[in-house]
C-alpha atoms as a PDB file:
ATOM      1  CA  MET A   1       0.000   0.000   0.000  1.00  0.00           C
ATOM      2  CA  ARG A   2       1.339   3.400  -0.903  1.00  0.00           C
ATOM      3  CA  ARG A   3       1.774   5.811   1.955  1.00  0.00           C
ATOM      4  CA  THR A   4       4.339   8.178   0.476  1.00  0.00           C
ATOM      5  CA  HIS A   5       1.827  10.494  -1.182  1.00  0.00           C
ATOM      6  CA  CYS A   6      -0.672  10.955   1.634  1.00  0.00           C
ATOM      7  CA  THR A   7       0.425  14.577   1.905  1.00  0.00           C
ATOM      8  CA  TYR A   8       0.278  15.295  -1.805  1.00  0.00           C
ATOM      9  CA  TRP A   9      -2.409  17.952  -2.036  1.00  0.00           C
ATOM     10  CA  CYS A  10      -2.961  17.906  -5.757  1.00  0.00           C
ATOM     11  CA  VAL A  11      -6.696  17.681  -5.255  1.00  0.00           C
ATOM     12  CA  ALA A  12      -7.155  20.296  -2.540  1.00  0.00           C
ATOM     13  CA  ALA A  13      -9.595  23.127  -3.115  1.00  0.00           C
ATOM     14  CA  VAL A  14     -10.829  22.020  -6.533  1.00  0.00           C
ATOM     15  CA  LEU A  15     -14.130  23.242  -7.863  1.00  0.00           C
ATOM     16  CA  PHE A  16     -16.939  20.698  -7.614  1.00  0.00           C
ATOM     17  CA  VAL A  17     -19.493  22.308  -9.916  1.00  0.00           C
ATOM     18  CA  ALA A  18     -23.037  22.954  -8.759  1.00  0.00           C
ATOM     19  CA  LEU A  19     -25.581  20.225  -9.296  1.00  0.00           C
ATOM     20  CA  GLY A  20     -27.358  20.351 -12.588  1.00  0.00           C
ATOM     21  CA  ALA A  21     -24.340  21.595 -14.537  1.00  0.00           C
ATOM     22  CA  ALA A  22     -23.940  20.217 -18.015  1.00  0.00           C
ATOM     23  CA  HIS A  23     -21.248  17.668 -17.210  1.00  0.00           C
ATOM     24  CA  CYS A  24     -23.136  16.059 -14.317  1.00  0.00           C
ATOM     25  CA  ALA A  25     -25.535  13.303 -15.213  1.00  0.00           C
ATOM     26  CA  PRO A  26     -28.732  13.392 -13.152  1.00  0.00           C
ATOM     27  CA  ALA A  27     -28.798  10.953 -10.273  1.00  0.00           C
ATOM     28  CA  GLN A  28     -31.861   9.560  -8.538  1.00  0.00           C
ATOM     29  CA  THR A  29     -31.502  10.249  -4.828  1.00  0.00           C
ATOM     30  CA  THR A  30     -35.090  10.505  -3.661  1.00  0.00           C
ATOM     31  CA  ALA A  31     -36.472   7.175  -2.490  1.00  0.00           C
ATOM     32  CA  PRO A  32     -39.152   6.046  -4.959  1.00  0.00           C
ATOM     33  CA  ALA A  33     -42.534   4.917  -3.737  1.00  0.00           C
ATOM     34  CA  LEU A  34     -41.508   1.305  -4.320  1.00  0.00           C
ATOM     35  CA  ALA A  35     -38.726   1.403  -1.738  1.00  0.00           C
ATOM     36  CA  GLY A  36     -41.077   2.613   0.991  1.00  0.00           C
ATOM     37  CA  SER A  37     -44.014   0.451   0.034  1.00  0.00           C
ATOM     38  CA  PRO A  38     -44.796  -2.367   2.457  1.00  0.00           C
ATOM     39  CA  GLU A  39     -46.002  -4.410  -0.536  1.00  0.00           C
ATOM     40  CA  ALA A  40     -42.651  -4.313  -2.337  1.00  0.00           C
ATOM     41  CA  THR A  41     -41.185  -7.789  -2.764  1.00  0.00           C
ATOM     42  CA  PRO A  42     -37.497  -8.546  -2.138  1.00  0.00           C
ATOM     43  CA  ALA A  43     -36.966  -8.899  -5.893  1.00  0.00           C
ATOM     44  CA  GLU A  44     -38.531  -5.481  -6.472  1.00  0.00           C
ATOM     45  CA  LEU A  45     -36.366  -3.938  -3.770  1.00  0.00           C
ATOM     46  CA  TRP A  46     -33.268  -5.435  -5.396  1.00  0.00           C
ATOM     47  CA  ALA A  47     -34.291  -3.965  -8.747  1.00  0.00           C
ATOM     48  CA  THR A  48     -34.758  -0.572  -7.088  1.00  0.00           C
ATOM     49  CA  MET A  49     -31.291  -0.812  -5.549  1.00  0.00           C
ATOM     50  CA  LEU A  50     -29.684  -1.444  -8.932  1.00  0.00           C
ATOM     51  CA  LYS A  51     -31.298   1.556 -10.631  1.00  0.00           C
ATOM     52  CA  SER A  52     -31.008   4.025  -7.730  1.00  0.00           C
ATOM     53  CA  GLN A  53     -28.285   6.172  -6.178  1.00  0.00           C
ATOM     54  CA  GLY A  54     -27.779   7.812  -2.816  1.00  0.00           C
ATOM     55  CA  SER A  55     -30.805   8.048  -0.546  1.00  0.00           C
ATOM     56  CA  ALA A  56     -33.049   6.014  -2.839  1.00  0.00           C
ATOM     57  CA  TYR A  57     -30.507   3.197  -2.906  1.00  0.00           C
ATOM     58  CA  VAL A  58     -30.055   3.229   0.872  1.00  0.00           C
ATOM     59  CA  ALA A  59     -33.821   3.172   1.496  1.00  0.00           C
ATOM     60  CA  ALA A  60     -34.312   0.134  -0.737  1.00  0.00           C
ATOM     61  CA  ARG A  61     -31.192  -1.609   0.594  1.00  0.00           C
ATOM     62  CA  ASP A  62     -32.180  -1.248   4.236  1.00  0.00           C
ATOM     63  CA  LYS A  63     -35.668  -2.561   3.533  1.00  0.00           C
ATOM     64  CA  LEU A  64     -34.279  -5.569   1.643  1.00  0.00           C
ATOM     65  CA  LEU A  65     -31.844  -6.386   4.450  1.00  0.00           C
ATOM     66  CA  GLN A  66     -34.755  -6.541   6.861  1.00  0.00           C
ATOM     67  CA  SER A  67     -36.412  -9.253   4.791  1.00  0.00           C
ATOM     68  CA  GLY A  68     -35.775 -12.938   5.187  1.00  0.00           C
ATOM     69  CA  ALA A  69     -34.886 -13.321   1.506  1.00  0.00           C
ATOM     70  CA  ALA A  70     -31.979 -10.886   1.462  1.00  0.00           C
ATOM     71  CA  SER A  71     -29.178 -13.408   1.928  1.00  0.00           C
ATOM     72  CA  GLU A  72     -30.391 -15.686  -0.848  1.00  0.00           C
ATOM     73  CA  ILE A  73     -30.833 -12.831  -3.336  1.00  0.00           C
ATOM     74  CA  LEU A  74     -27.471 -11.252  -2.549  1.00  0.00           C
ATOM     75  CA  LYS A  75     -25.484 -14.493  -2.680  1.00  0.00           C
ATOM     76  CA  ALA A  76     -26.839 -15.194  -6.153  1.00  0.00           C
ATOM     77  CA  LYS A  77     -25.383 -11.893  -7.411  1.00  0.00           C
ATOM     78  CA  LEU A  78     -21.812 -12.340  -6.156  1.00  0.00           C
ATOM     79  CA  THR A  79     -20.645 -13.730  -9.503  1.00  0.00           C
ATOM     80  CA  ASP A  80     -22.304 -11.077 -11.674  1.00  0.00           C
ATOM     81  CA  SER A  81     -20.028  -9.694 -14.397  1.00  0.00           C
ATOM     82  CA  ASP A  82     -20.805  -6.078 -13.407  1.00  0.00           C
ATOM     83  CA  TRP A  83     -18.570  -4.932 -10.554  1.00  0.00           C
ATOM     84  CA  ARG A  84     -21.304  -2.589  -9.315  1.00  0.00           C
ATOM     85  CA  VAL A  85     -23.741  -5.464  -8.891  1.00  0.00           C
ATOM     86  CA  GLN A  86     -21.063  -7.485  -7.109  1.00  0.00           C
ATOM     87  CA  ALA A  87     -20.230  -4.541  -4.856  1.00  0.00           C
ATOM     88  CA  VAL A  88     -23.852  -4.021  -3.853  1.00  0.00           C
ATOM     89  CA  ALA A  89     -24.337  -7.734  -3.169  1.00  0.00           C
ATOM     90  CA  ARG A  90     -21.117  -8.199  -1.193  1.00  0.00           C
ATOM     91  CA  ALA A  91     -21.632  -5.094   0.917  1.00  0.00           C
ATOM     92  CA  GLY A  92     -25.191  -6.184   1.641  1.00  0.00           C
ATOM     93  CA  LEU A  93     -24.027  -9.566   2.860  1.00  0.00           C
ATOM     94  CA  GLU A  94     -21.330  -7.972   4.995  1.00  0.00           C
ATOM     95  CA  ARG A  95     -23.889  -5.598   6.466  1.00  0.00           C
ATOM     96  CA  LEU A  96     -25.807  -8.680   7.582  1.00  0.00           C
ATOM     97  CA  SER A  97     -22.765 -10.467   9.030  1.00  0.00           C
ATOM     98  CA  ARG A  98     -20.832  -7.445  10.382  1.00  0.00           C
ATOM     99  CA  PRO A  99     -23.502  -4.933  11.423  1.00  0.00           C
ATOM    100  CA  GLN A 100     -21.363  -3.201  14.044  1.00  0.00           C
ATOM    101  CA  ALA A 101     -18.437  -2.665  11.680  1.00  0.00           C
ATOM    102  CA  TYR A 102     -20.684  -1.256   8.985  1.00  0.00           C
ATOM    103  CA  ALA A 103     -22.437   0.993  11.473  1.00  0.00           C
ATOM    104  CA  GLU A 104     -19.013   2.430  12.282  1.00  0.00           C
ATOM    105  CA  TYR A 105     -18.174   2.872   8.594  1.00  0.00           C
ATOM    106  CA  ASP A 106     -21.483   4.654   7.996  1.00  0.00           C
ATOM    107  CA  ALA A 107     -20.914   6.882  11.008  1.00  0.00           C
ATOM    108  CA  GLY A 108     -17.407   7.674   9.787  1.00  0.00           C
ATOM    109  CA  LEU A 109     -18.666   8.698   6.387  1.00  0.00           C
ATOM    110  CA  ALA A 110     -21.436  10.792   7.908  1.00  0.00           C
ATOM    111  CA  GLY A 111     -18.910  12.495  10.176  1.00  0.00           C
ATOM    112  CA  GLY A 112     -16.619  13.286   7.282  1.00  0.00           C
ATOM    113  CA  LEU A 113     -19.412  14.763   5.198  1.00  0.00           C
ATOM    114  CA  ARG A 114     -21.411  16.405   7.978  1.00  0.00           C
ATOM    115  CA  ARG A 115     -23.067  19.571   6.735  1.00  0.00           C
ATOM    116  CA  LEU A 116     -21.893  21.362   3.664  1.00  0.00           C
ATOM    117  CA  SER A 117     -20.528  24.302   5.616  1.00  0.00           C
ATOM    118  CA  THR A 118     -18.540  22.493   8.283  1.00  0.00           C
ATOM    119  CA  PHE A 119     -14.759  22.563   8.520  1.00  0.00           C
ATOM    120  CA  ARG A 120     -14.338  19.710  10.982  1.00  0.00           C
ATOM    121  CA  ALA A 121     -12.855  16.692   9.293  1.00  0.00           C
ATOM    122  CA  GLY A 122     -14.602  13.935  11.236  1.00  0.00           C
ATOM    123  CA  PRO A 123     -13.647  10.241  11.292  1.00  0.00           C
ATOM    124  CA  LEU A 124     -12.907  10.118   7.563  1.00  0.00           C
ATOM    125  CA  ARG A 125     -10.264  12.793   8.097  1.00  0.00           C
ATOM    126  CA  GLY A 126     -10.412  15.413   5.450  1.00  0.00           C
ATOM    127  CA  VAL A 127     -13.678  15.831   3.602  1.00  0.00           C
ATOM    128  CA  PHE A 128     -15.015  19.314   4.011  1.00  0.00           C
ATOM    129  CA  LEU A 129     -16.806  21.799   1.863  1.00  0.00           C
ATOM    130  CA  LEU A 130     -16.172  25.488   1.400  1.00  0.00           C
ATOM    131  CA  TRP A 131     -18.430  28.253   0.237  1.00  0.00           C
ATOM    132  CA  ASP A 132     -17.096  31.199  -1.739  1.00  0.00           C
ATOM    133  CA  ARG A 133     -19.471  33.809  -3.139  1.00  0.00           C
ATOM    134  CA  GLY A 134     -22.252  31.269  -3.385  1.00  0.00           C
ATOM    135  CA  VAL A 135     -20.204  28.829  -5.471  1.00  0.00           C
ATOM    136  CA  GLN A 136     -19.814  25.379  -4.057  1.00  0.00           C
ATOM    137  CA  HIS A 137     -16.295  24.003  -3.659  1.00  0.00           C
ATOM    138  CA  VAL A 138     -15.049  20.727  -2.320  1.00  0.00           C
ATOM    139  CA  SER A 139     -11.694  20.046  -0.734  1.00  0.00           C
ATOM    140  CA  LEU A 140     -10.738  16.396  -0.785  1.00  0.00           C
ATOM    141  CA  PRO A 141      -7.263  15.839   0.630  1.00  0.00           C
ATOM    142  CA  PRO A 142      -5.937  12.297   0.370  1.00  0.00           C
ATOM    143  CA  PRO A 143      -7.293   9.927   3.029  1.00  0.00           C
ATOM    144  CA  ARG A 144      -4.978   9.482   5.971  1.00  0.00           C
ATOM    145  CA  GLU A 145      -3.337   6.177   6.684  1.00  0.00           C
ATOM    146  CA  SER A 146      -5.768   5.397   9.490  1.00  0.00           C
ATOM    147  CA  ALA A 147      -8.929   6.347   7.612  1.00  0.00           C
ATOM    148  CA  TYR A 148      -9.770   2.801   6.592  1.00  0.00           C
ATOM    149  CA  SER A 149      -8.266  -0.640   6.427  1.00  0.00           C
ATOM    150  CA  ALA A 150      -8.516  -3.368   3.824  1.00  0.00           C
ATOM    151  CA  ALA A 151     -11.514  -4.727   5.738  1.00  0.00           C
ATOM    152  CA  ALA A 152     -13.503  -1.683   4.586  1.00  0.00           C
ATOM    153  CA  VAL A 153     -12.923  -2.252   0.853  1.00  0.00           C
ATOM    154  CA  PRO A 154     -16.406  -3.760   0.268  1.00  0.00           C
ATOM    155  CA  PHE A 155     -17.948  -0.744   2.011  1.00  0.00           C
ATOM    156  CA  LEU A 156     -15.898   1.668  -0.099  1.00  0.00           C
ATOM    157  CA  LEU A 157     -16.809  -0.152  -3.316  1.00  0.00           C
ATOM    158  CA  GLU A 158     -20.470   0.149  -2.382  1.00  0.00           C
ATOM    159  CA  ALA A 159     -20.014   3.886  -1.779  1.00  0.00           C
ATOM    160  CA  LEU A 160     -18.104   4.248  -5.058  1.00  0.00           C
ATOM    161  CA  ALA A 161     -20.947   2.602  -6.961  1.00  0.00           C
ATOM    162  CA  LYS A 162     -23.956   4.024  -5.136  1.00  0.00           C
ATOM    163  CA  GLY A 163     -22.930   7.044  -3.111  1.00  0.00           C
ATOM    164  CA  ALA A 164     -24.478   7.520   0.318  1.00  0.00           C
ATOM    165  CA  ALA A 165     -27.407   9.017   2.182  1.00  0.00           C
ATOM    166  CA  PRO A 166     -26.821  11.585   4.944  1.00  0.00           C
ATOM    167  CA  PRO A 167     -28.202  10.958   8.427  1.00  0.00           C
ATOM    168  CA  ALA A 168     -31.861  11.920   8.787  1.00  0.00           C
ATOM    169  CA  GLU A 169     -31.200  14.845  11.088  1.00  0.00           C
ATOM    170  CA  GLY A 170     -30.453  18.542  10.998  1.00  0.00           C
ATOM    171  CA  ARG A 171     -30.743  20.069   7.566  1.00  0.00           C
ATOM    172  CA  TRP A 172     -31.436  16.647   6.087  1.00  0.00           C
ATOM    173  CA  ARG A 173     -34.758  16.201   7.897  1.00  0.00           C
ATOM    174  CA  ASP A 174     -37.825  16.122   5.686  1.00  0.00           C
ATOM    175  CA  PRO A 175     -40.410  18.094   7.694  1.00  0.00           C
ATOM    176  CA  GLU A 176     -44.004  18.036   6.549  1.00  0.00           C
ATOM    177  CA  GLY A 177     -45.363  21.190   4.985  1.00  0.00           C
ATOM    178  CA  GLN A 178     -42.036  22.563   3.763  1.00  0.00           C
ATOM    179  CA  THR A 179     -42.116  24.916   0.802  1.00  0.00           C
ATOM    180  CA  PRO A 180     -41.392  23.619  -2.701  1.00  0.00           C
ATOM    181  CA  GLU A 181     -38.218  25.721  -2.773  1.00  0.00           C
ATOM    182  CA  ARG A 182     -36.891  24.172   0.443  1.00  0.00           C
ATOM    183  CA  ALA A 183     -37.845  20.703  -0.756  1.00  0.00           C
ATOM    184  CA  LYS A 184     -35.932  21.256  -3.992  1.00  0.00           C
ATOM    185  CA  ALA A 185     -32.902  22.559  -2.096  1.00  0.00           C
ATOM    186  CA  ARG A 186     -32.968  19.492   0.136  1.00  0.00           C
ATOM    187  CA  GLU A 187     -33.064  17.142  -2.843  1.00  0.00           C
ATOM    188  CA  GLU A 188     -30.129  18.949  -4.430  1.00  0.00           C
ATOM    189  CA  GLY A 189     -28.229  18.663  -1.162  1.00  0.00           C
ATOM    190  CA  LEU A 190     -28.896  14.927  -0.979  1.00  0.00           C
ATOM    191  CA  GLU A 191     -27.616  14.479  -4.518  1.00  0.00           C
ATOM    192  CA  HIS A 192     -24.480  16.490  -3.859  1.00  0.00           C
ATOM    193  CA  TYR A 193     -23.807  14.613  -0.618  1.00  0.00           C
ATOM    194  CA  SER A 194     -24.016  11.299  -2.448  1.00  0.00           C
ATOM    195  CA  ARG A 195     -21.656  12.431  -5.201  1.00  0.00           C
ATOM    196  CA  VAL A 196     -19.052  13.730  -2.776  1.00  0.00           C
ATOM    197  CA  ALA A 197     -19.222  10.359  -0.992  1.00  0.00           C
ATOM    198  CA  GLN A 198     -18.436   8.643  -4.306  1.00  0.00           C
ATOM    199  CA  CYS A 199     -15.428  10.912  -4.853  1.00  0.00           C
ATOM    200  CA  TYR A 200     -14.083  10.216  -1.389  1.00  0.00           C
ATOM    201  CA  ALA A 201     -14.549   6.474  -1.838  1.00  0.00           C
ATOM    202  CA  ALA A 202     -12.466   6.671  -5.019  1.00  0.00           C
ATOM    203  CA  LEU A 203      -9.652   8.401  -3.137  1.00  0.00           C
ATOM    204  CA  ALA A 204      -9.789   6.004  -0.187  1.00  0.00           C
ATOM    205  CA  LEU A 205      -9.707   2.956  -2.458  1.00  0.00           C
ATOM    206  CA  SER A 206      -6.769   4.418  -4.352  1.00  0.00           C
ATOM    207  CA  PHE A 207      -4.859   5.079  -1.161  1.00  0.00           C
ATOM    208  CA  LEU A 208      -5.410   1.531   0.074  1.00  0.00           C
ATOM    209  CA  ALA A 209      -4.316   0.169  -3.351  1.00  0.00           C
ATOM    210  CA  ASP A 210      -6.184  -3.045  -2.604  1.00  0.00           C
ATOM    211  CA  PRO A 211      -6.373  -5.228  -5.746  1.00  0.00           C
ATOM    212  CA  ARG A 212     -10.155  -5.482  -5.330  1.00  0.00           C
ATOM    213  CA  GLY A 213     -10.495  -1.784  -6.042  1.00  0.00           C
ATOM    214  CA  ILE A 214      -8.306  -1.436  -9.125  1.00  0.00           C
ATOM    215  CA  ALA A 215     -10.676  -2.719 -11.829  1.00  0.00           C
ATOM    216  CA  PRO A 216     -13.625  -0.686 -10.501  1.00  0.00           C
ATOM    217  CA  LEU A 217     -11.503   2.470 -10.383  1.00  0.00           C
ATOM    218  CA  LEU A 218     -10.296   1.907 -13.934  1.00  0.00           C
ATOM    219  CA  ASP A 219     -13.886   1.462 -15.050  1.00  0.00           C
ATOM    220  CA  VAL A 220     -14.932   4.648 -13.247  1.00  0.00           C
ATOM    221  CA  VAL A 221     -12.170   6.649 -14.970  1.00  0.00           C
ATOM    222  CA  HIS A 222     -13.736   5.882 -18.341  1.00  0.00           C
ATOM    223  CA  THR A 223     -17.437   5.395 -17.551  1.00  0.00           C
ATOM    224  CA  GLY A 224     -18.129   7.173 -14.251  1.00  0.00           C
ATOM    225  CA  GLU A 225     -21.464   8.910 -13.706  1.00  0.00           C
ATOM    226  CA  PHE A 226     -19.960  12.407 -13.633  1.00  0.00           C
ATOM    227  CA  SER A 227     -16.664  13.842 -14.718  1.00  0.00           C
ATOM    228  CA  TYR A 228     -15.358  14.925 -11.310  1.00  0.00           C
ATOM    229  CA  LEU A 229     -15.659  11.361 -10.031  1.00  0.00           C
ATOM    230  CA  ARG A 230     -13.689  10.257 -13.084  1.00  0.00           C
ATOM    231  CA  ARG A 231     -11.103  12.934 -12.341  1.00  0.00           C
ATOM    232  CA  TYR A 232     -10.594  11.821  -8.743  1.00  0.00           C
ATOM    233  CA  ALA A 233     -10.347   8.189  -9.828  1.00  0.00           C
ATOM    234  CA  GLY A 234      -7.615   9.140 -12.301  1.00  0.00           C
ATOM    235  CA  ILE A 235      -5.670  11.073  -9.689  1.00  0.00           C
ATOM    236  CA  GLY A 236      -6.046   8.302  -7.160  1.00  0.00           C
ATOM    237  CA  LEU A 237      -4.912   5.557  -9.510  1.00  0.00           C
ATOM    238  CA  GLY A 238      -1.575   7.298  -9.618  1.00  0.00           C
ATOM    239  CA  TRP A 239      -1.218   6.682  -5.881  1.00  0.00           C
ATOM    240  CA  THR A 240      -1.465   2.931  -6.344  1.00  0.00           C
ATOM    241  CA  GLY A 241       1.984   2.671  -7.908  1.00  0.00           C
ATOM    242  CA  ARG A 242       0.770   0.010 -10.326  1.00  0.00           C
ATOM    243  CA  ALA A 243       2.291  -0.192 -13.790  1.00  0.00           C
ATOM    244  CA  ASP A 244      -0.889  -1.749 -15.208  1.00  0.00           C
ATOM    245  CA  VAL A 245      -2.868   1.482 -14.741  1.00  0.00           C
ATOM    246  CA  ILE A 246      -0.535   3.565 -16.935  1.00  0.00           C
ATOM    247  CA  ALA A 247      -2.070   2.557 -20.277  1.00  0.00           C
ATOM    248  CA  PRO A 248      -5.667   3.254 -19.152  1.00  0.00           C
ATOM    249  CA  LEU A 249      -4.604   6.644 -17.808  1.00  0.00           C
ATOM    250  CA  ARG A 250      -2.930   7.477 -21.119  1.00  0.00           C
ATOM    251  CA  LYS A 251      -6.207   6.648 -22.831  1.00  0.00           C
ATOM    252  CA  ALA A 252      -8.005   9.022 -20.452  1.00  0.00           C
ATOM    253  CA  LEU A 253      -5.681  11.835 -21.601  1.00  0.00           C
ATOM    254  CA  ARG A 254      -7.757  11.859 -24.808  1.00  0.00           C
ATOM    255  CA  ASP A 255     -11.114  12.069 -23.040  1.00  0.00           C
ATOM    256  CA  ALA A 256     -13.559  14.745 -24.189  1.00  0.00           C
ATOM    257  CA  ARG A 257     -13.906  16.094 -20.625  1.00  0.00           C
ATOM    258  CA  SER A 258     -11.131  18.440 -19.582  1.00  0.00           C
ATOM    259  CA  ASP A 259     -11.362  17.563 -15.883  1.00  0.00           C
ATOM    260  CA  VAL A 260     -10.910  13.860 -16.734  1.00  0.00           C
ATOM    261  CA  ARG A 261      -7.765  14.739 -18.705  1.00  0.00           C
ATOM    262  CA  GLN A 262      -6.502  16.732 -15.737  1.00  0.00           C
ATOM    263  CA  GLY A 263      -7.005  13.788 -13.415  1.00  0.00           C
ATOM    264  CA  ALA A 264      -5.238  11.397 -15.793  1.00  0.00           C
ATOM    265  CA  ALA A 265      -2.289  13.780 -16.119  1.00  0.00           C
ATOM    266  CA  ALA A 266      -1.973  14.076 -12.348  1.00  0.00           C
ATOM    267  CA  GLY A 267      -2.179  10.294 -12.003  1.00  0.00           C
ATOM    268  CA  LEU A 268       0.623   9.752 -14.521  1.00  0.00           C
ATOM    269  CA  GLY A 269       2.698  12.301 -12.634  1.00  0.00           C
ATOM    270  CA  GLU A 270       2.276  10.291  -9.462  1.00  0.00           C
ATOM    271  CA  LEU A 271       3.396   7.160 -11.295  1.00  0.00           C
ATOM    272  CA  LEU A 272       6.681   8.842 -12.291  1.00  0.00           C
ATOM    273  CA  THR A 273       6.398   7.629 -15.867  1.00  0.00           C
ATOM    274  CA  ALA A 274       9.312   9.591 -17.366  1.00  0.00           C
ATOM    275  CA  PRO A 275      10.891  13.049 -16.889  1.00  0.00           C
ATOM    276  CA  ASP A 276       9.927  13.933 -20.464  1.00  0.00           C
ATOM    277  CA  ASP A 277       6.831  11.787 -20.829  1.00  0.00           C
ATOM    278  CA  PRO A 278       5.793  12.424 -24.453  1.00  0.00           C
ATOM    279  CA  ASP A 279       2.062  12.359 -23.727  1.00  0.00           C
ATOM    280  CA  LEU A 280       2.384  14.843 -20.879  1.00  0.00           C
ATOM    281  CA  VAL A 281       4.676  17.069 -22.927  1.00  0.00           C
ATOM    282  CA  TRP A 282       2.188  17.096 -25.797  1.00  0.00           C
ATOM    283  CA  LEU A 283      -0.649  17.856 -23.405  1.00  0.00           C
ATOM    284  CA  ALA A 284       1.293  20.687 -21.770  1.00  0.00           C
ATOM    285  CA  GLU A 285       1.923  22.301 -25.132  1.00  0.00           C
ATOM    286  CA  ASN A 286      -1.221  21.548 -27.122  1.00  0.00           C
ATOM    287  CA  ASP A 287      -4.293  20.849 -25.013  1.00  0.00           C
ATOM    288  CA  PRO A 288      -6.989  23.469 -25.693  1.00  0.00           C
ATOM    289  CA  HIS A 289      -7.885  23.759 -22.001  1.00  0.00           C
ATOM    290  CA  SER A 290      -5.588  25.828 -19.785  1.00  0.00           C
ATOM    291  CA  GLY A 291      -6.336  23.687 -16.722  1.00  0.00           C
ATOM    292  CA  VAL A 292      -5.212  20.548 -18.541  1.00  0.00           C
ATOM    293  CA  ARG A 293      -2.037  22.219 -19.760  1.00  0.00           C
ATOM    294  CA  SER A 294      -1.302  23.348 -16.204  1.00  0.00           C
ATOM    295  CA  ALA A 295      -1.959  19.851 -14.825  1.00  0.00           C
ATOM    296  CA  ALA A 296       0.438  18.333 -17.378  1.00  0.00           C
ATOM    297  CA  VAL A 297       3.148  20.877 -16.531  1.00  0.00           C
ATOM    298  CA  SER A 298       2.698  20.161 -12.815  1.00  0.00           C
ATOM    299  CA  ALA A 299       2.892  16.419 -13.455  1.00  0.00           C
ATOM    300  CA  LEU A 300       6.156  16.785 -15.373  1.00  0.00           C
ATOM    301  CA  ARG A 301       7.627  18.965 -12.631  1.00  0.00           C
ATOM    302  CA  HIS A 302       6.577  16.440 -10.020  1.00  0.00           C
ATOM    303  CA  ILE A 303       8.191  13.577 -11.922  1.00  0.00           C
ATOM    304  CA  ARG A 304      11.468  15.457 -12.408  1.00  0.00           C
ATOM    305  CA  SER A 305      11.569  16.584  -8.781  1.00  0.00           C
ATOM    306  CA  ARG A 306      10.961  13.082  -7.445  1.00  0.00           C
ATOM    307  CA  LEU A 307      13.527  11.540  -9.768  1.00  0.00           C
ATOM    308  CA  ARG A 308      16.156  14.055  -8.655  1.00  0.00           C
ATOM    309  CA  ILE A 309      15.463  13.198  -5.029  1.00  0.00           C
ATOM    310  CA  MET A 310      15.688   9.497  -5.852  1.00  0.00           C
ATOM    311  CA  GLU A 311      19.056  10.022  -7.515  1.00  0.00           C
ATOM    312  CA  GLN A 312      20.260  11.594  -4.281  1.00  0.00           C
ATOM    313  CA  GLY A 313      19.019   8.610  -2.309  1.00  0.00           C
ATOM    314  CA  GLY A 314      16.430  10.599  -0.407  1.00  0.00           C
ATOM    315  CA  TRP A 315      13.251   8.909  -1.616  1.00  0.00           C
ATOM    316  CA  LYS A 316      12.323   5.559  -3.075  1.00  0.00           C
ATOM    317  CA  ALA A 317       9.530   4.982  -5.529  1.00  0.00           C
ATOM    318  CA  PRO A 318       6.961   2.316  -4.559  1.00  0.00           C
ATOM    319  CA  ASN A 319       7.127  -0.958  -6.377  1.00  0.00           C
ATOM    320  CA  PRO A 320       4.432  -1.051  -9.092  1.00  0.00           C
END
């Protein structure tokens, strides 16, 4: 597991665009009627879980886990070819067998993401949101060494795939008789909360560098639900120190989304590909987006700086 880059703040204070922007695909976070219906069958709840995100997913999941058929349904999905289906099934089974551990994981995530305006890091150590002139920003420093262990990988994969629901308290309460404007604001907050949880899960999985998380992260880089999640996955893959992620990151350098290209450039910089990496050099000189050019320049500087330190015997690169 790589620990050498836990202080590398390449992702601090980046703009996480407001919900509804063009590059963010809409996500279903409000629990549909099916999830709360006492008549819903376990099979229907499972179907709701697969098509839902955030709060809607959590509502259906918790109802399924209370049924007697949950274990049988979930075990049958452990060999599904889709990593998201596997992640949902495995995490569900672990929630049944390790309820206390998963309660602690959920509490840790809630603490790290508590309220959009808080500056206290909470148990996940380092997820906090800033407000500047009404524009929403997210600061996601790398997870600390003690944030999670390998035992939490199934939980993190579930969060990567499905996001999370905030605790039903404080600003997240759903009081009766609220105005349509406040109801809309609450739904937008739930969606944003879930998406930030996905981004943090990508970083935590990358930091742990557990083999179970590599294929899902590579898939997210190219097919993630929104481009900032893809960006964080690209950055984080660089922390893993694995040579087999270099080619997929080079492919992401040609992505249509500029923030995905930025993440891939930063990831290649972390992997110390070469002091004059031709792809990064081309990007630094030719990419039409100034942020991508800047990310490529920073990646090249990082590579050259680290290699100089290595030549002086002051730092050793992790084994890919």
